[in-house]
Amino acid sequence: MYVEVNLGDIARLRKKHPCGSYEWEVVRLGADIGLVCLGCQRKILLPRSTFNKRLKTIVKQTGGK
């Protein structure tokens, strides 16, 4: 499943973060996708293929670049 993501989008992943939040903000795009947890501000990098598998839905779209 390929999903169009833009910087600033809010993504909901299938598993919750240990802090309890399901929602992440996209802060980096490329081969890896950089995410920031909206619950505790933790930053992670996921390979795009892993991100596409874990993605449940895009909560808020920013509308582009």
N, C-alpha and C. Protein backbone atom coordinates (compact mmCIF):
# COMPACT_ATOMS: atom_id res chain seq x y z
N MET A 1 0.85 -1.18 0.00
CA MET A 1 0.00 0.00 0.00
C MET A 1 0.90 1.24 0.00
N TYR A 2 0.74 2.09 -0.99
CA TYR A 2 1.50 3.34 -1.07
C TYR A 2 0.60 4.49 -0.69
N VAL A 3 1.07 5.35 0.19
CA VAL A 3 0.28 6.48 0.67
C VAL A 3 1.06 7.76 0.42
N GLU A 4 0.39 8.78 -0.09
CA GLU A 4 1.00 10.10 -0.28
C GLU A 4 1.05 10.81 1.06
N VAL A 5 2.26 11.11 1.53
CA VAL A 5 2.42 11.83 2.80
C VAL A 5 3.21 13.11 2.55
N ASN A 6 2.89 14.13 3.29
CA ASN A 6 3.57 15.42 3.18
C ASN A 6 4.08 15.84 4.55
N LEU A 7 5.02 16.76 4.56
CA LEU A 7 5.53 17.29 5.82
C LEU A 7 4.39 17.94 6.60
N GLY A 8 4.35 17.68 7.88
CA GLY A 8 3.33 18.28 8.73
C GLY A 8 2.07 17.44 8.87
N ASP A 9 1.93 16.37 8.08
CA ASP A 9 0.75 15.51 8.21
C ASP A 9 0.76 14.82 9.57
N ILE A 10 -0.42 14.51 10.09
CA ILE A 10 -0.56 13.76 11.33
C ILE A 10 -1.01 12.36 10.95
N ALA A 11 -0.20 11.35 11.31
CA ALA A 11 -0.49 9.97 10.95
C ALA A 11 -0.85 9.18 12.20
N ARG A 12 -1.81 8.27 12.07
CA ARG A 12 -2.17 7.37 13.17
C ARG A 12 -1.63 5.98 12.80
N LEU A 13 -0.78 5.42 13.67
CA LEU A 13 -0.20 4.11 13.43
C LEU A 13 -1.00 3.03 14.14
N ARG A 14 -0.79 1.78 13.75
CA ARG A 14 -1.57 0.66 14.28
C ARG A 14 -1.29 0.37 15.76
N LYS A 15 -0.04 0.44 16.16
CA LYS A 15 0.31 0.17 17.56
C LYS A 15 0.57 1.49 18.28
N LYS A 16 0.22 1.55 19.55
CA LYS A 16 0.47 2.79 20.28
C LYS A 16 1.89 2.83 20.79
N HIS A 17 2.38 4.03 20.96
CA HIS A 17 3.71 4.29 21.52
C HIS A 17 3.64 3.99 23.02
N PRO A 18 4.74 3.64 23.66
CA PRO A 18 4.71 3.37 25.10
C PRO A 18 4.12 4.50 25.95
N CYS A 19 4.16 5.74 25.45
CA CYS A 19 3.58 6.85 26.20
C CYS A 19 2.05 6.85 26.10
N GLY A 20 1.49 6.06 25.19
CA GLY A 20 0.04 5.94 25.07
C GLY A 20 -0.55 6.62 23.85
N SER A 21 0.26 7.34 23.08
CA SER A 21 -0.25 8.07 21.92
C SER A 21 -0.18 7.22 20.65
N TYR A 22 -1.19 7.35 19.78
CA TYR A 22 -1.21 6.69 18.49
C TYR A 22 -0.80 7.63 17.36
N GLU A 23 -0.73 8.92 17.63
CA GLU A 23 -0.57 9.92 16.57
C GLU A 23 0.84 10.48 16.50
N TRP A 24 1.32 10.65 15.25
CA TRP A 24 2.67 11.10 14.96
C TRP A 24 2.63 12.18 13.90
N GLU A 25 3.53 13.15 13.99
CA GLU A 25 3.66 14.19 12.97
C GLU A 25 4.84 13.84 12.07
N VAL A 26 4.64 13.97 10.75
CA VAL A 26 5.69 13.71 9.77
C VAL A 26 6.60 14.93 9.71
N VAL A 27 7.90 14.73 9.98
CA VAL A 27 8.86 15.85 9.98
C VAL A 27 9.98 15.67 8.97
N ARG A 28 10.08 14.50 8.33
CA ARG A 28 11.13 14.25 7.35
C ARG A 28 10.61 13.26 6.33
N LEU A 29 10.92 13.51 5.06
CA LEU A 29 10.53 12.61 3.98
C LEU A 29 11.76 12.23 3.18
N GLY A 30 11.72 11.04 2.61
CA GLY A 30 12.82 10.52 1.82
C GLY A 30 12.70 9.01 1.82
N ALA A 31 13.84 8.32 1.78
CA ALA A 31 13.83 6.86 1.88
C ALA A 31 13.32 6.46 3.26
N ASP A 32 13.66 7.27 4.26
CA ASP A 32 13.14 7.10 5.62
C ASP A 32 12.14 8.20 5.90
N ILE A 33 11.21 7.92 6.80
CA ILE A 33 10.24 8.93 7.20
C ILE A 33 10.49 9.26 8.66
N GLY A 34 10.69 10.54 8.94
CA GLY A 34 10.91 11.01 10.31
C GLY A 34 9.58 11.35 10.95
N LEU A 35 9.37 10.85 12.16
CA LEU A 35 8.12 11.07 12.89
C LEU A 35 8.42 11.61 14.28
N VAL A 36 7.51 12.43 14.78
CA VAL A 36 7.58 12.93 16.15
C VAL A 36 6.29 12.54 16.85
N CYS A 37 6.41 11.86 17.98
CA CYS A 37 5.24 11.45 18.76
C CYS A 37 4.55 12.69 19.31
N LEU A 38 3.24 12.77 19.16
CA LEU A 38 2.51 13.93 19.67
C LEU A 38 2.24 13.83 21.17
N GLY A 39 2.51 12.67 21.76
CA GLY A 39 2.32 12.52 23.20
C GLY A 39 3.54 12.94 24.00
N CYS A 40 4.73 12.50 23.56
CA CYS A 40 5.94 12.75 24.35
C CYS A 40 7.06 13.44 23.57
N GLN A 41 6.82 13.78 22.31
CA GLN A 41 7.79 14.48 21.46
C GLN A 41 9.03 13.65 21.11
N ARG A 42 8.95 12.33 21.23
CA ARG A 42 10.04 11.44 20.85
C ARG A 42 10.17 11.42 19.33
N LYS A 43 11.40 11.44 18.80
CA LYS A 43 11.63 11.42 17.36
C LYS A 43 12.13 10.04 16.93
N ILE A 44 11.57 9.53 15.82
CA ILE A 44 12.02 8.25 15.28
C ILE A 44 12.14 8.36 13.77
N LEU A 45 12.92 7.45 13.18
CA LEU A 45 13.02 7.30 11.73
C LEU A 45 12.57 5.90 11.38
N LEU A 46 11.65 5.79 10.42
CA LEU A 46 11.19 4.50 9.94
C LEU A 46 11.46 4.40 8.45
N PRO A 47 11.92 3.23 7.97
CA PRO A 47 11.99 3.05 6.52
C PRO A 47 10.58 3.20 5.94
N ARG A 48 10.49 3.73 4.73
CA ARG A 48 9.19 3.98 4.12
C ARG A 48 8.33 2.72 4.05
N SER A 49 8.93 1.57 3.77
CA SER A 49 8.17 0.32 3.68
C SER A 49 7.56 -0.05 5.03
N THR A 50 8.30 0.14 6.11
CA THR A 50 7.79 -0.14 7.46
C THR A 50 6.68 0.85 7.82
N PHE A 51 6.88 2.12 7.48
CA PHE A 51 5.85 3.13 7.75
C PHE A 51 4.55 2.76 7.04
N ASN A 52 4.63 2.35 5.77
CA ASN A 52 3.42 1.99 5.01
C ASN A 52 2.70 0.80 5.64
N LYS A 53 3.44 -0.15 6.22
CA LYS A 53 2.82 -1.31 6.87
C LYS A 53 2.14 -0.91 8.19
N ARG A 54 2.76 0.00 8.94
CA ARG A 54 2.25 0.39 10.26
C ARG A 54 1.16 1.46 10.21
N LEU A 55 1.02 2.14 9.08
CA LEU A 55 0.07 3.24 8.98
C LEU A 55 -1.37 2.74 9.02
N LYS A 56 -2.18 3.37 9.85
CA LYS A 56 -3.60 3.06 9.90
C LYS A 56 -4.37 4.09 9.09
N THR A 57 -4.13 5.38 9.35
CA THR A 57 -4.81 6.44 8.61
C THR A 57 -4.04 7.77 8.75
N ILE A 58 -4.32 8.66 7.83
CA ILE A 58 -3.80 10.03 7.95
C ILE A 58 -4.91 10.85 8.60
N VAL A 59 -4.66 11.36 9.79
CA VAL A 59 -5.67 12.11 10.55
C VAL A 59 -5.87 13.51 9.97
N LYS A 60 -4.76 14.20 9.71
CA LYS A 60 -4.82 15.57 9.21
C LYS A 60 -3.79 15.75 8.11
N GLN A 61 -4.25 16.21 6.95
CA GLN A 61 -3.34 16.47 5.85
C GLN A 61 -3.07 17.95 5.75
N THR A 62 -1.83 18.30 5.43
CA THR A 62 -1.47 19.71 5.34
C THR A 62 -1.73 20.28 3.96
N GLY A 63 -1.90 19.44 2.96
CA GLY A 63 -2.24 19.93 1.65
C GLY A 63 -1.08 20.06 0.69
N GLY A 64 0.09 19.67 1.08
CA GLY A 64 1.20 19.68 0.14
C GLY A 64 2.48 20.24 0.68
N LYS A 65 3.38 20.51 -0.23
CA LYS A 65 4.73 20.94 0.10
C LYS A 65 4.69 22.31 0.63
